[in-house]
C-alpha atoms as a PDB file:
ATOM      1  CA  MET A   1    -172.994 -11.082-130.427  1.00  0.00           C
ATOM      2  CA  THR A   2    -173.337 -13.485-127.545  1.00  0.00           C
ATOM      3  CA  ILE A   3    -171.400 -16.785-127.616  1.00  0.00           C
ATOM      4  CA  PRO A   4    -173.344 -19.694-126.140  1.00  0.00           C
ATOM      5  CA  TYR A   5    -172.054 -21.109-122.883  1.00  0.00           C
ATOM      6  CA  ARG A   6    -171.420 -24.552-124.395  1.00  0.00           C
ATOM      7  CA  THR A   7    -169.333 -22.967-127.176  1.00  0.00           C
ATOM      8  CA  GLN A   8    -167.333 -20.961-124.622  1.00  0.00           C
ATOM      9  CA  ARG A   9    -166.415 -24.141-122.767  1.00  0.00           C
ATOM     10  CA  VAL A  10    -165.245 -25.805-125.988  1.00  0.00           C
ATOM     11  CA  LEU A  11    -163.093 -22.765-126.881  1.00  0.00           C
ATOM     12  CA  LYS A  12    -161.523 -22.664-123.406  1.00  0.00           C
ATOM     13  CA  ARG A  13    -160.610 -26.349-123.699  1.00  0.00           C
ATOM     14  CA  ILE A  14    -159.075 -25.737-127.131  1.00  0.00           C
ATOM     15  CA  LEU A  15    -157.102 -22.710-125.872  1.00  0.00           C
ATOM     16  CA  GLY A  16    -155.889 -24.731-122.878  1.00  0.00           C
ATOM     17  CA  VAL A  17    -154.691 -27.548-125.104  1.00  0.00           C
ATOM     18  CA  LEU A  18    -152.922 -25.031-127.407  1.00  0.00           C
ATOM     19  CA  ALA A  19    -151.220 -23.416-124.405  1.00  0.00           C
ATOM     20  CA  VAL A  20    -149.946 -26.800-123.195  1.00  0.00           C
ATOM     21  CA  ILE A  21    -148.728 -27.630-126.712  1.00  0.00           C
ATOM     22  CA  ALA A  22    -146.983 -24.239-126.894  1.00  0.00           C
ATOM     23  CA  VAL A  23    -145.182 -24.868-123.570  1.00  0.00           C
ATOM     24  CA  VAL A  24    -144.138 -28.362-124.650  1.00  0.00           C
ATOM     25  CA  LEU A  25    -142.857 -27.038-127.962  1.00  0.00           C
ATOM     26  CA  ALA A  26    -140.944 -24.250-126.198  1.00  0.00           C
ATOM     27  CA  VAL A  27    -139.270 -26.713-123.827  1.00  0.00           C
ATOM     28  CA  ALA A  28    -138.503 -29.095-126.663  1.00  0.00           C
ATOM     29  CA  GLY A  29    -137.089 -26.229-128.724  1.00  0.00           C
ATOM     30  CA  ALA A  30    -134.846 -25.116-125.862  1.00  0.00           C
ATOM     31  CA  CYS A  31    -133.559 -28.678-125.373  1.00  0.00           C
ATOM     32  CA  TRP A  32    -132.969 -29.037-129.085  1.00  0.00           C
ATOM     33  CA  PHE A  33    -131.075 -25.733-129.162  1.00  0.00           C
ATOM     34  CA  VAL A  34    -128.827 -26.827-126.264  1.00  0.00           C
ATOM     35  CA  TRP A  35    -128.203 -30.190-127.984  1.00  0.00           C
ATOM     36  CA  LEU A  36    -127.193 -28.405-131.197  1.00  0.00           C
ATOM     37  CA  GLN A  37    -124.516 -26.390-129.405  1.00  0.00           C
ATOM     38  CA  ARG A  38    -122.062 -29.288-129.540  1.00  0.00           C
ATOM     39  CA  TYR A  39    -122.228 -29.197-133.358  1.00  0.00           C
ATOM     40  CA  VAL A  40    -121.859 -25.429-133.794  1.00  0.00           C
ATOM     41  CA  VAL A  41    -118.658 -24.434-135.651  1.00  0.00           C
ATOM     42  CA  TYR A  42    -117.392 -20.877-136.053  1.00  0.00           C
ATOM     43  CA  THR A  43    -115.527 -20.455-139.347  1.00  0.00           C
ATOM     44  CA  ALA A  44    -112.526 -18.223-139.989  1.00  0.00           C
ATOM     45  CA  ASP A  45    -114.670 -15.685-141.857  1.00  0.00           C
ATOM     46  CA  GLY A  46    -116.929 -15.164-138.840  1.00  0.00           C
ATOM     47  CA  LYS A  47    -119.854 -17.334-140.018  1.00  0.00           C
ATOM     48  CA  VAL A  48    -121.596 -20.035-138.035  1.00  0.00           C
ATOM     49  CA  LYS A  49    -122.509 -23.486-139.312  1.00  0.00           C
ATOM     50  CA  LEU A  50    -123.603 -26.870-138.000  1.00  0.00           C
ATOM     51  CA  ASP A  51    -121.272 -29.865-138.391  1.00  0.00           C
ATOM     52  CA  PHE A  52    -122.998 -33.109-137.402  1.00  0.00           C
ATOM     53  CA  ASP A  53    -119.791 -35.099-138.113  1.00  0.00           C
ATOM     54  CA  LEU A  54    -118.106 -33.803-134.958  1.00  0.00           C
ATOM     55  CA  PRO A  55    -117.381 -36.565-132.421  1.00  0.00           C
ATOM     56  CA  PRO A  56    -119.709 -36.733-129.385  1.00  0.00           C
ATOM     57  CA  ILE A  57    -118.532 -35.206-126.130  1.00  0.00           C
ATOM     58  CA  GLY A  58    -117.417 -37.880-123.689  1.00  0.00           C
ATOM     59  CA  GLU A  59    -118.233 -38.101-120.040  1.00  0.00           C
ATOM     60  CA  GLY A  60    -116.391 -35.788-117.715  1.00  0.00           C
ATOM     61  CA  GLN A  61    -113.962 -36.910-115.018  1.00  0.00           C
ATOM     62  CA  LEU A  62    -113.628 -35.717-111.481  1.00  0.00           C
ATOM     63  CA  ALA A  63    -110.593 -33.455-111.158  1.00  0.00           C
ATOM     64  CA  VAL A  64    -108.054 -34.600-108.572  1.00  0.00           C
ATOM     65  CA  PRO A  65    -104.867 -32.838-107.428  1.00  0.00           C
ATOM     66  CA  PRO A  66    -101.694 -34.092-109.158  1.00  0.00           C
ATOM     67  CA  ASP A  67     -99.069 -36.145-107.367  1.00  0.00           C
ATOM     68  CA  GLN A  68     -96.461 -34.013-105.633  1.00  0.00           C
ATOM     69  CA  GLN A  69     -93.387 -33.706-107.859  1.00  0.00           C
ATOM     70  CA  ASP A  70     -90.187 -31.706-107.819  1.00  0.00           C
ATOM     71  CA  ILE A  71     -90.486 -29.805-111.081  1.00  0.00           C
ATOM     72  CA  PRO A  72     -87.385 -27.828-112.076  1.00  0.00           C
ATOM     73  CA  ILE A  73     -88.172 -24.222-112.928  1.00  0.00           C
ATOM     74  CA  ARG A  74     -85.727 -22.260-115.036  1.00  0.00           C
ATOM     75  CA  LEU A  75     -85.890 -18.525-114.558  1.00  0.00           C
ATOM     76  CA  ASP A  76     -84.838 -16.157-117.284  1.00  0.00           C
ATOM     77  CA  GLN A  77     -81.725 -14.103-116.654  1.00  0.00           C
ATOM     78  CA  ASN A  78     -83.803 -10.914-116.681  1.00  0.00           C
ATOM     79  CA  ASP A  79     -86.625 -12.240-114.502  1.00  0.00           C
ATOM     80  CA  GLU A  80     -87.011  -9.792-111.644  1.00  0.00           C
ATOM     81  CA  MET A  81     -88.829 -12.465-109.647  1.00  0.00           C
ATOM     82  CA  ALA A  82     -85.808 -14.786-109.692  1.00  0.00           C
ATOM     83  CA  GLY A  83     -84.603 -15.641-106.238  1.00  0.00           C
ATOM     84  CA  GLY A  84     -81.110 -15.276-104.836  1.00  0.00           C
ATOM     85  CA  SER A  85     -78.670 -12.425-104.821  1.00  0.00           C
ATOM     86  CA  THR A  86     -77.850 -10.661-108.071  1.00  0.00           C
ATOM     87  CA  GLU A  87     -74.536  -9.336-106.747  1.00  0.00           C
ATOM     88  CA  LEU A  88     -71.274 -10.776-108.050  1.00  0.00           C
ATOM     89  CA  MET A  89     -69.614 -12.939-105.423  1.00  0.00           C
ATOM     90  CA  GLN A  90     -66.001 -13.917-104.798  1.00  0.00           C
ATOM     91  CA  LEU A  91     -65.039 -16.942-106.890  1.00  0.00           C
ATOM     92  CA  ALA A  92     -63.255 -20.071-105.759  1.00  0.00           C
ATOM     93  CA  GLY A  93     -63.290 -22.836-108.311  1.00  0.00           C
ATOM     94  CA  TYR A  94     -61.726 -24.797-111.132  1.00  0.00           C
ATOM     95  CA  TYR A  95     -61.373 -24.509-114.890  1.00  0.00           C
ATOM     96  CA  VAL A  96     -61.753 -27.260-117.487  1.00  0.00           C
ATOM     97  CA  GLU A  97     -59.337 -27.091-120.416  1.00  0.00           C
ATOM     98  CA  LEU A  98     -59.405 -28.674-123.875  1.00  0.00           C
ATOM     99  CA  SER A  99     -57.140 -31.524-122.782  1.00  0.00           C
ATOM    100  CA  ASP A 100     -59.616 -32.411-120.016  1.00  0.00           C
ATOM    101  CA  LEU A 101     -62.504 -32.556-122.490  1.00  0.00           C
ATOM    102  CA  GLN A 102     -61.080 -35.632-124.187  1.00  0.00           C
ATOM    103  CA  ASP A 103     -62.778 -37.559-121.355  1.00  0.00           C
ATOM    104  CA  ILE A 104     -65.921 -35.600-120.483  1.00  0.00           C
ATOM    105  CA  ASP A 105     -67.380 -38.390-118.326  1.00  0.00           C
ATOM    106  CA  THR A 106     -64.385 -38.132-115.996  1.00  0.00           C
ATOM    107  CA  VAL A 107     -64.732 -34.328-115.963  1.00  0.00           C
ATOM    108  CA  LYS A 108     -68.377 -34.640-114.952  1.00  0.00           C
ATOM    109  CA  SER A 109     -67.504 -37.082-112.155  1.00  0.00           C
ATOM    110  CA  GLN A 110     -64.824 -34.716-110.857  1.00  0.00           C
ATOM    111  CA  ILE A 111     -67.231 -31.778-110.877  1.00  0.00           C
ATOM    112  CA  GLN A 112     -69.928 -33.795-109.094  1.00  0.00           C
ATOM    113  CA  ALA A 113     -67.448 -34.482-106.291  1.00  0.00           C
ATOM    114  CA  LEU A 114     -66.856 -30.763-105.696  1.00  0.00           C
ATOM    115  CA  PRO A 115     -68.819 -28.761-103.117  1.00  0.00           C
ATOM    116  CA  SER A 116     -71.953 -27.215-104.598  1.00  0.00           C
ATOM    117  CA  GLU A 117     -70.681 -23.646-104.152  1.00  0.00           C
ATOM    118  CA  THR A 118     -67.574 -24.330-106.272  1.00  0.00           C
ATOM    119  CA  ALA A 119     -67.498 -22.337-109.516  1.00  0.00           C
ATOM    120  CA  VAL A 120     -66.618 -24.154-112.749  1.00  0.00           C
ATOM    121  CA  MET A 121     -65.196 -22.624-115.933  1.00  0.00           C
ATOM    122  CA  VAL A 122     -65.283 -24.634-119.166  1.00  0.00           C
ATOM    123  CA  ASP A 123     -63.580 -24.023-122.500  1.00  0.00           C
ATOM    124  CA  VAL A 124     -66.403 -24.233-125.056  1.00  0.00           C
ATOM    125  CA  LYS A 125     -64.685 -23.156-128.293  1.00  0.00           C
ATOM    126  CA  GLY A 126     -61.276 -23.506-129.931  1.00  0.00           C
ATOM    127  CA  ILE A 127     -58.966 -21.078-131.740  1.00  0.00           C
ATOM    128  CA  LYS A 128     -59.692 -22.794-135.065  1.00  0.00           C
ATOM    129  CA  GLY A 129     -63.313 -21.715-134.726  1.00  0.00           C
ATOM    130  CA  ASP A 130     -64.611 -25.139-133.714  1.00  0.00           C
ATOM    131  CA  PHE A 131     -67.412 -25.238-131.156  1.00  0.00           C
ATOM    132  CA  TYR A 132     -67.248 -27.986-128.543  1.00  0.00           C
ATOM    133  CA  TYR A 133     -71.033 -27.933-128.017  1.00  0.00           C
ATOM    134  CA  SER A 134     -74.012 -27.934-130.406  1.00  0.00           C
ATOM    135  CA  SER A 135     -73.919 -24.310-131.452  1.00  0.00           C
ATOM    136  CA  SER A 136     -76.392 -22.679-133.816  1.00  0.00           C
ATOM    137  CA  VAL A 137     -73.917 -19.886-134.564  1.00  0.00           C
ATOM    138  CA  ASP A 138     -71.639 -22.111-136.656  1.00  0.00           C
ATOM    139  CA  SER A 139     -71.561 -25.807-137.519  1.00  0.00           C
ATOM    140  CA  LYS A 140     -67.771 -26.245-137.549  1.00  0.00           C
ATOM    141  CA  ARG A 141     -66.928 -29.386-135.491  1.00  0.00           C
ATOM    142  CA  ASN A 142     -63.349 -30.574-136.065  1.00  0.00           C
ATOM    143  CA  SER A 143     -62.040 -30.517-132.520  1.00  0.00           C
ATOM    144  CA  GLY A 144     -62.456 -34.220-131.741  1.00  0.00           C
ATOM    145  CA  ILE A 145     -64.674 -33.355-128.778  1.00  0.00           C
ATOM    146  CA  ASN A 146     -67.753 -35.477-128.109  1.00  0.00           C
ATOM    147  CA  THR A 147     -70.353 -32.782-128.766  1.00  0.00           C
ATOM    148  CA  GLN A 148     -73.239 -34.750-127.262  1.00  0.00           C
ATOM    149  CA  ALA A 149     -71.292 -35.392-124.055  1.00  0.00           C
ATOM    150  CA  MET A 150     -70.385 -31.697-123.932  1.00  0.00           C
ATOM    151  CA  ASP A 151     -74.052 -30.741-124.292  1.00  0.00           C
ATOM    152  CA  GLU A 152     -74.876 -33.075-121.400  1.00  0.00           C
ATOM    153  CA  LEU A 153     -72.118 -31.536-119.264  1.00  0.00           C
ATOM    154  CA  ILE A 154     -73.460 -28.017-119.920  1.00  0.00           C
ATOM    155  CA  ASP A 155     -76.972 -29.205-119.098  1.00  0.00           C
ATOM    156  CA  TYR A 156     -75.719 -30.742-115.846  1.00  0.00           C
ATOM    157  CA  LEU A 157     -73.985 -27.494-114.839  1.00  0.00           C
ATOM    158  CA  GLN A 158     -77.220 -25.593-115.430  1.00  0.00           C
ATOM    159  CA  ARG A 159     -79.394 -28.080-113.520  1.00  0.00           C
ATOM    160  CA  SER A 160     -76.967 -28.429-110.619  1.00  0.00           C
ATOM    161  CA  GLY A 161     -77.207 -24.737-109.805  1.00  0.00           C
ATOM    162  CA  ARG A 162     -73.424 -24.223-109.894  1.00  0.00           C
ATOM    163  CA  TYR A 163     -71.914 -20.927-110.944  1.00  0.00           C
ATOM    164  CA  ALA A 164     -70.963 -21.875-114.503  1.00  0.00           C
ATOM    165  CA  ILE A 165     -68.513 -19.918-116.658  1.00  0.00           C
ATOM    166  CA  ALA A 166     -67.854 -20.387-120.382  1.00  0.00           C
ATOM    167  CA  ARG A 167     -64.478 -19.380-121.821  1.00  0.00           C
ATOM    168  CA  ILE A 168     -63.896 -18.630-125.503  1.00  0.00           C
ATOM    169  CA  PRO A 169     -60.904 -17.307-127.510  1.00  0.00           C
ATOM    170  CA  ALA A 170     -62.523 -14.051-128.563  1.00  0.00           C
ATOM    171  CA  LEU A 171     -60.276 -12.660-131.286  1.00  0.00           C
ATOM    172  CA  ARG A 172     -58.557 -15.840-132.504  1.00  0.00           C
ATOM    173  CA  ASP A 173     -60.756 -17.734-134.952  1.00  0.00           C
ATOM    174  CA  TRP A 174     -59.297 -19.341-138.068  1.00  0.00           C
ATOM    175  CA  ASN A 175     -62.649 -20.406-139.510  1.00  0.00           C
ATOM    176  CA  TYR A 176     -64.426 -17.058-139.117  1.00  0.00           C
ATOM    177  CA  GLY A 177     -61.393 -15.131-140.370  1.00  0.00           C
ATOM    178  CA  LEU A 178     -61.116 -17.360-143.455  1.00  0.00           C
ATOM    179  CA  ASN A 179     -64.760 -16.769-144.364  1.00  0.00           C
ATOM    180  CA  HIS A 180     -64.928 -13.089-143.342  1.00  0.00           C
ATOM    181  CA  VAL A 181     -61.666 -11.582-144.535  1.00  0.00           C
ATOM    182  CA  PRO A 182     -62.746  -7.917-144.050  1.00  0.00           C
ATOM    183  CA  ASP A 183     -63.280  -8.635-140.318  1.00  0.00           C
ATOM    184  CA  GLY A 184     -59.772  -9.988-139.817  1.00  0.00           C
ATOM    185  CA  VAL A 185     -56.427  -8.460-138.847  1.00  0.00           C
ATOM    186  CA  HIS A 186     -54.401  -7.922-142.038  1.00  0.00           C
ATOM    187  CA  HIS A 187     -50.686  -8.373-142.619  1.00  0.00           C
ATOM    188  CA  SER A 188     -48.677  -5.181-142.966  1.00  0.00           C
ATOM    189  CA  SER A 189     -47.096  -6.271-146.251  1.00  0.00           C
ATOM    190  CA  GLY A 190     -50.342  -6.769-148.131  1.00  0.00           C
ATOM    191  CA  GLY A 191     -54.088  -7.242-148.080  1.00  0.00           C
ATOM    192  CA  TYR A 192     -54.046 -10.820-146.827  1.00  0.00           C
ATOM    193  CA  LEU A 193     -54.796 -11.873-143.261  1.00  0.00           C
ATOM    194  CA  TYR A 194     -52.115 -12.170-140.629  1.00  0.00           C
ATOM    195  CA  MET A 195     -51.558 -15.759-139.452  1.00  0.00           C
ATOM    196  CA  ASP A 196     -49.797 -16.527-136.151  1.00  0.00           C
ATOM    197  CA  ASP A 197     -47.416 -19.389-135.350  1.00  0.00           C
ATOM    198  CA  ASP A 198     -50.369 -21.676-134.547  1.00  0.00           C
ATOM    199  CA  GLY A 199     -51.739 -21.176-138.049  1.00  0.00           C
ATOM    200  CA  CYS A 200     -54.620 -19.074-136.725  1.00  0.00           C
ATOM    201  CA  TYR A 201     -56.189 -15.863-138.011  1.00  0.00           C
ATOM    202  CA  TRP A 202     -57.036 -12.965-135.695  1.00  0.00           C
ATOM    203  CA  LEU A 203     -60.195 -10.871-135.767  1.00  0.00           C
ATOM    204  CA  ASN A 204     -60.320  -7.093-135.703  1.00  0.00           C
ATOM    205  CA  PRO A 205     -62.166  -5.768-132.605  1.00  0.00           C
ATOM    206  CA  GLY A 206     -62.911  -2.572-134.540  1.00  0.00           C
ATOM    207  CA  SER A 207     -65.021  -4.474-137.078  1.00  0.00           C
ATOM    208  CA  GLN A 208     -68.795  -4.484-136.672  1.00  0.00           C
ATOM    209  CA  GLY A 209     -68.877  -7.985-138.154  1.00  0.00           C
ATOM    210  CA  THR A 210     -66.533  -9.260-135.430  1.00  0.00           C
ATOM    211  CA  LEU A 211     -68.608  -7.691-132.667  1.00  0.00           C
ATOM    212  CA  SER A 212     -71.836  -9.102-134.106  1.00  0.00           C
ATOM    213  CA  TYR A 213     -70.293 -12.576-134.309  1.00  0.00           C
ATOM    214  CA  LEU A 214     -69.059 -12.454-130.702  1.00  0.00           C
ATOM    215  CA  THR A 215     -72.408 -11.106-129.526  1.00  0.00           C
ATOM    216  CA  GLN A 216     -74.197 -14.088-131.111  1.00  0.00           C
ATOM    217  CA  ILE A 217     -71.901 -16.537-129.327  1.00  0.00           C
ATOM    218  CA  ILE A 218     -72.200 -14.811-125.961  1.00  0.00           C
ATOM    219  CA  MET A 219     -75.991 -14.589-126.175  1.00  0.00           C
ATOM    220  CA  GLU A 220     -76.188 -18.281-127.071  1.00  0.00           C
ATOM    221  CA  LEU A 221     -74.035 -19.230-124.077  1.00  0.00           C
ATOM    222  CA  ARG A 222     -76.234 -17.053-121.869  1.00  0.00           C
ATOM    223  CA  SER A 223     -79.321 -18.883-123.139  1.00  0.00           C
ATOM    224  CA  LEU A 224     -77.692 -22.232-122.263  1.00  0.00           C
ATOM    225  CA  GLY A 225     -77.647 -21.239-118.605  1.00  0.00           C
ATOM    226  CA  PHE A 226     -74.092 -20.002-118.097  1.00  0.00           C
ATOM    227  CA  ASP A 227     -73.691 -17.294-115.470  1.00  0.00           C
ATOM    228  CA  GLU A 228     -70.644 -15.697-117.055  1.00  0.00           C
ATOM    229  CA  VAL A 229     -68.569 -15.719-120.215  1.00  0.00           C
ATOM    230  CA  VAL A 230     -64.838 -15.047-120.218  1.00  0.00           C
ATOM    231  CA  LEU A 231     -63.293 -13.645-123.396  1.00  0.00           C
ATOM    232  CA  ASP A 232     -59.738 -14.948-123.734  1.00  0.00           C
ATOM    233  CA  ASP A 233     -57.325 -13.709-126.439  1.00  0.00           C
ATOM    234  CA  PHE A 234     -59.006 -10.317-126.195  1.00  0.00           C
ATOM    235  CA  CYS A 235     -56.028  -8.514-127.686  1.00  0.00           C
ATOM    236  CA  PHE A 236     -54.075  -7.986-130.886  1.00  0.00           C
ATOM    237  CA  PRO A 237     -51.335 -10.464-131.824  1.00  0.00           C
ATOM    238  CA  GLU A 238     -47.947  -9.506-130.419  1.00  0.00           C
ATOM    239  CA  THR A 239     -46.210  -8.630-133.651  1.00  0.00           C
ATOM    240  CA  THR A 240     -45.224  -5.612-135.719  1.00  0.00           C
ATOM    241  CA  SER A 241     -46.411  -7.339-138.902  1.00  0.00           C
ATOM    242  CA  ILE A 242     -50.034  -6.200-138.789  1.00  0.00           C
ATOM    243  CA  MET A 243     -51.982  -3.186-140.035  1.00  0.00           C
ATOM    244  CA  VAL A 244     -54.257  -1.490-137.500  1.00  0.00           C
ATOM    245  CA  ASN A 245     -56.445   1.488-138.346  1.00  0.00           C
ATOM    246  CA  GLY A 246     -56.552   3.340-135.066  1.00  0.00           C
ATOM    247  CA  ASP A 247     -55.181   3.024-131.566  1.00  0.00           C
ATOM    248  CA  LYS A 248     -55.151  -0.603-130.374  1.00  0.00           C
ATOM    249  CA  ALA A 249     -56.054   0.216-126.772  1.00  0.00           C
ATOM    250  CA  GLN A 250     -58.966   2.402-127.846  1.00  0.00           C
ATOM    251  CA  LEU A 251     -60.295  -0.245-130.242  1.00  0.00           C
ATOM    252  CA  LEU A 252     -60.196  -2.898-127.504  1.00  0.00           C
ATOM    253  CA  THR A 253     -61.727  -0.543-124.945  1.00  0.00           C
ATOM    254  CA  ARG A 254     -64.639   0.270-127.238  1.00  0.00           C
ATOM    255  CA  ALA A 255     -65.174  -3.402-128.172  1.00  0.00           C
ATOM    256  CA  ALA A 256     -65.226  -4.453-124.511  1.00  0.00           C
ATOM    257  CA  SER A 257     -67.763  -1.747-123.697  1.00  0.00           C
ATOM    258  CA  VAL A 258     -69.990  -2.701-126.654  1.00  0.00           C
ATOM    259  CA  LEU A 259     -70.000  -6.404-125.765  1.00  0.00           C
ATOM    260  CA  LEU A 260     -70.695  -5.771-122.082  1.00  0.00           C
ATOM    261  CA  SER A 261     -73.517  -3.355-122.887  1.00  0.00           C
ATOM    262  CA  ALA A 262     -75.083  -5.722-125.431  1.00  0.00           C
ATOM    263  CA  CYS A 263     -74.855  -8.986-123.493  1.00  0.00           C
ATOM    264  CA  ALA A 264     -74.556  -8.467-119.732  1.00  0.00           C
ATOM    265  CA  THR A 265     -77.596  -8.508-117.451  1.00  0.00           C
ATOM    266  CA  ASP A 266     -78.093  -8.312-113.700  1.00  0.00           C
ATOM    267  CA  ARG A 267     -77.502 -12.088-113.662  1.00  0.00           C
ATOM    268  CA  PHE A 268     -74.950 -12.574-116.432  1.00  0.00           C
ATOM    269  CA  ALA A 269     -71.389 -11.250-116.512  1.00  0.00           C
ATOM    270  CA  VAL A 270     -69.132 -10.569-119.511  1.00  0.00           C
ATOM    271  CA  SER A 271     -65.493 -10.745-118.446  1.00  0.00           C
ATOM    272  CA  PHE A 272     -62.055 -10.518-120.049  1.00  0.00           C
ATOM    273  CA  VAL A 273     -58.655 -12.182-119.709  1.00  0.00           C
ATOM    274  CA  LYS A 274     -56.505  -9.061-119.471  1.00  0.00           C
ATOM    275  CA  THR A 275     -53.282  -9.392-121.468  1.00  0.00           C
ATOM    276  CA  ALA A 276     -53.405  -6.121-123.400  1.00  0.00           C
ATOM    277  CA  ASP A 277     -53.473  -2.452-122.519  1.00  0.00           C
ATOM    278  CA  PHE A 278     -57.123  -1.403-122.601  1.00  0.00           C
ATOM    279  CA  THR A 279     -59.579   0.074-120.129  1.00  0.00           C
ATOM    280  CA  MET A 280     -61.963  -2.406-118.545  1.00  0.00           C
ATOM    281  CA  PRO A 281     -65.619  -1.398-118.927  1.00  0.00           C
ATOM    282  CA  THR A 282     -67.782  -0.599-115.920  1.00  0.00           C
ATOM    283  CA  GLY A 283     -70.562  -3.021-115.073  1.00  0.00           C
ATOM    284  CA  ARG A 284     -71.078  -6.715-114.412  1.00  0.00           C
ATOM    285  CA  THR A 285     -67.602  -7.824-115.417  1.00  0.00           C
ATOM    286  CA  ARG A 286     -64.368  -9.267-114.035  1.00  0.00           C
ATOM    287  CA  MET A 287     -60.706  -9.065-114.976  1.00  0.00           C
ATOM    288  CA  TYR A 288     -59.003 -12.460-115.312  1.00  0.00           C
ATOM    289  CA  VAL A 289     -55.211 -12.642-115.044  1.00  0.00           C
ATOM    290  CA  GLU A 290     -52.940 -15.651-115.518  1.00  0.00           C
ATOM    291  CA  GLY A 291     -49.276 -16.494-115.173  1.00  0.00           C
ATOM    292  CA  MET A 292     -48.585 -14.662-111.918  1.00  0.00           C
ATOM    293  CA  ASP A 293     -47.146 -15.941-108.693  1.00  0.00           C
ATOM    294  CA  ALA A 294     -48.533 -14.837-105.323  1.00  0.00           C
ATOM    295  CA  ILE A 295     -46.041 -11.980-104.869  1.00  0.00           C
ATOM    296  CA  GLN A 296     -46.759 -10.600-108.343  1.00  0.00           C
ATOM    297  CA  ALA A 297     -50.475 -10.876-107.679  1.00  0.00           C
ATOM    298  CA  GLY A 298     -50.107  -8.893-104.458  1.00  0.00           C
ATOM    299  CA  ASP A 299     -48.269  -6.137-106.321  1.00  0.00           C
ATOM    300  CA  PHE A 300     -50.686  -6.153-109.266  1.00  0.00           C
ATOM    301  CA  ALA A 301     -54.017  -6.144-107.394  1.00  0.00           C
ATOM    302  CA  PRO A 302     -53.890  -2.612-105.831  1.00  0.00           C
ATOM    303  CA  ASN A 303     -53.178  -1.072-109.248  1.00  0.00           C
ATOM    304  CA  SER A 304     -55.536  -3.236-111.313  1.00  0.00           C
ATOM    305  CA  GLY A 305     -58.273  -0.610-111.375  1.00  0.00           C
ATOM    306  CA  VAL A 306     -61.110  -3.043-110.611  1.00  0.00           C
ATOM    307  CA  ALA A 307     -63.937  -2.105-108.263  1.00  0.00           C
ATOM    308  CA  ASP A 308     -63.269  -4.874-105.729  1.00  0.00           C
ATOM    309  CA  THR A 309     -60.087  -6.973-105.930  1.00  0.00           C
ATOM    310  CA  ALA A 310     -61.738  -9.837-104.024  1.00  0.00           C
ATOM    311  CA  ILE A 311     -64.619 -10.079-106.498  1.00  0.00           C
ATOM    312  CA  ASN A 312     -63.740  -8.395-109.791  1.00  0.00           C
ATOM    313  CA  LEU A 313     -60.155  -9.682-110.018  1.00  0.00           C
ATOM    314  CA  VAL A 314     -59.701 -13.400-110.767  1.00  0.00           C
ATOM    315  CA  PHE A 315     -56.358 -15.169-110.875  1.00  0.00           C
ATOM    316  CA  LEU A 316     -55.962 -18.282-113.027  1.00  0.00           C
ATOM    317  CA  THR A 317     -53.170 -20.282-111.454  1.00  0.00           C
ATOM    318  CA  GLU A 318     -51.882 -23.792-110.887  1.00  0.00           C
ATOM    319  CA  LEU A 319     -50.332 -22.709-107.592  1.00  0.00           C
ATOM    320  CA  HIS A 320     -51.983 -23.566-104.282  1.00  0.00           C
ATOM    321  CA  ASP A 321     -50.452 -20.624-102.438  1.00  0.00           C
ATOM    322  CA  THR A 322     -53.041 -19.480 -99.886  1.00  0.00           C
ATOM    323  CA  ARG A 323     -52.128 -15.840-100.538  1.00  0.00           C
ATOM    324  CA  PHE A 324     -54.321 -16.081-103.654  1.00  0.00           C
ATOM    325  CA  ASP A 325     -57.368 -16.763-101.514  1.00  0.00           C
ATOM    326  CA  VAL A 326     -57.946 -13.091-100.668  1.00  0.00           C
ATOM    327  CA  TYR A 327     -58.904 -12.699-104.339  1.00  0.00           C
ATOM    328  CA  SER A 328     -61.101 -14.736-106.628  1.00  0.00           C
ATOM    329  CA  VAL A 329     -59.089 -17.692-107.886  1.00  0.00           C
ATOM    330  CA  MET A 330     -59.602 -20.520-110.384  1.00  0.00           C
ATOM    331  CA  ARG A 331     -57.322 -23.542-110.642  1.00  0.00           C
ATOM    332  CA  PRO A 332     -57.090 -26.495-113.096  1.00  0.00           C
ATOM    333  CA  LEU A 333     -59.711 -29.172-112.471  1.00  0.00           C
ATOM    334  CA  SER A 334     -57.037 -31.800-113.005  1.00  0.00           C
ATOM    335  CA  GLY A 335     -55.358 -30.567-109.824  1.00  0.00           C
ATOM    336  CA  ALA A 336     -58.492 -30.609-107.662  1.00  0.00           C
ATOM    337  CA  HIS A 337     -58.162 -32.569-104.413  1.00  0.00           C
END
């Protein structure tokens, strides 16, 4: 069948018009599809729906570099990328006692006046179990210390970059002993807890509950930015009126090792005020000794058993005898000059 020429021309025109319409529709469909993208919502069950109530997308803005600012960056204790030496250094500094904390603003001013390399040790907990700072371990606050001011002092020590040390009475805690009788040191004449002349209960270092409690405190202090914690009263009370299941020295030795292993890092030390006969653990730790004069210190140091008497042995003294300066030494902040 032959199609007339005139009919062929009409068909070509119709096909051309249809092709143009098809292209226009394709372009319009693509534009419509792109426009719909802003209203596409993916539901939690994996389905897709259109939500035309979504707000329209605003105009973009040209990105510009931010103003130069000094932004403090806090590195985690375990961060291998943290700068500075991870080795323990010889200490020369001052300690802040409970009596000083009655006027924390003055304490802060005194610390600010010290050279930046001066180490600072702060009492952060009392023998009654009261925390001087805002602790999440326990809410007991009967010390009369301004907790908010103490928090600000701790924050300043962290931001200033000083070597900051927290000191706590490890095994003297009236509040914890009262509420956790099985973890306490018991009187030899019965099942009740032994109470010392200050009206304070003592905790048993052989108790898992005691070690867990101390670990919580130490880890919290580490998270606040302290570089070291010093465990004072790390001993049994000096009396024959207590019951102890096991050898005292061995119980203290094991407790010290457990706490150091659980809490110390390559940037955080767990140290002990040494008043009892126990073996110091090996690791990032120091032995603190108080109540010695310079001659006694010279006799004690060679037999102390620490790795380095200039670094791992710290004398707490009010004396300004320069013979202490060959060791690490901390003196009362009230005597700083």
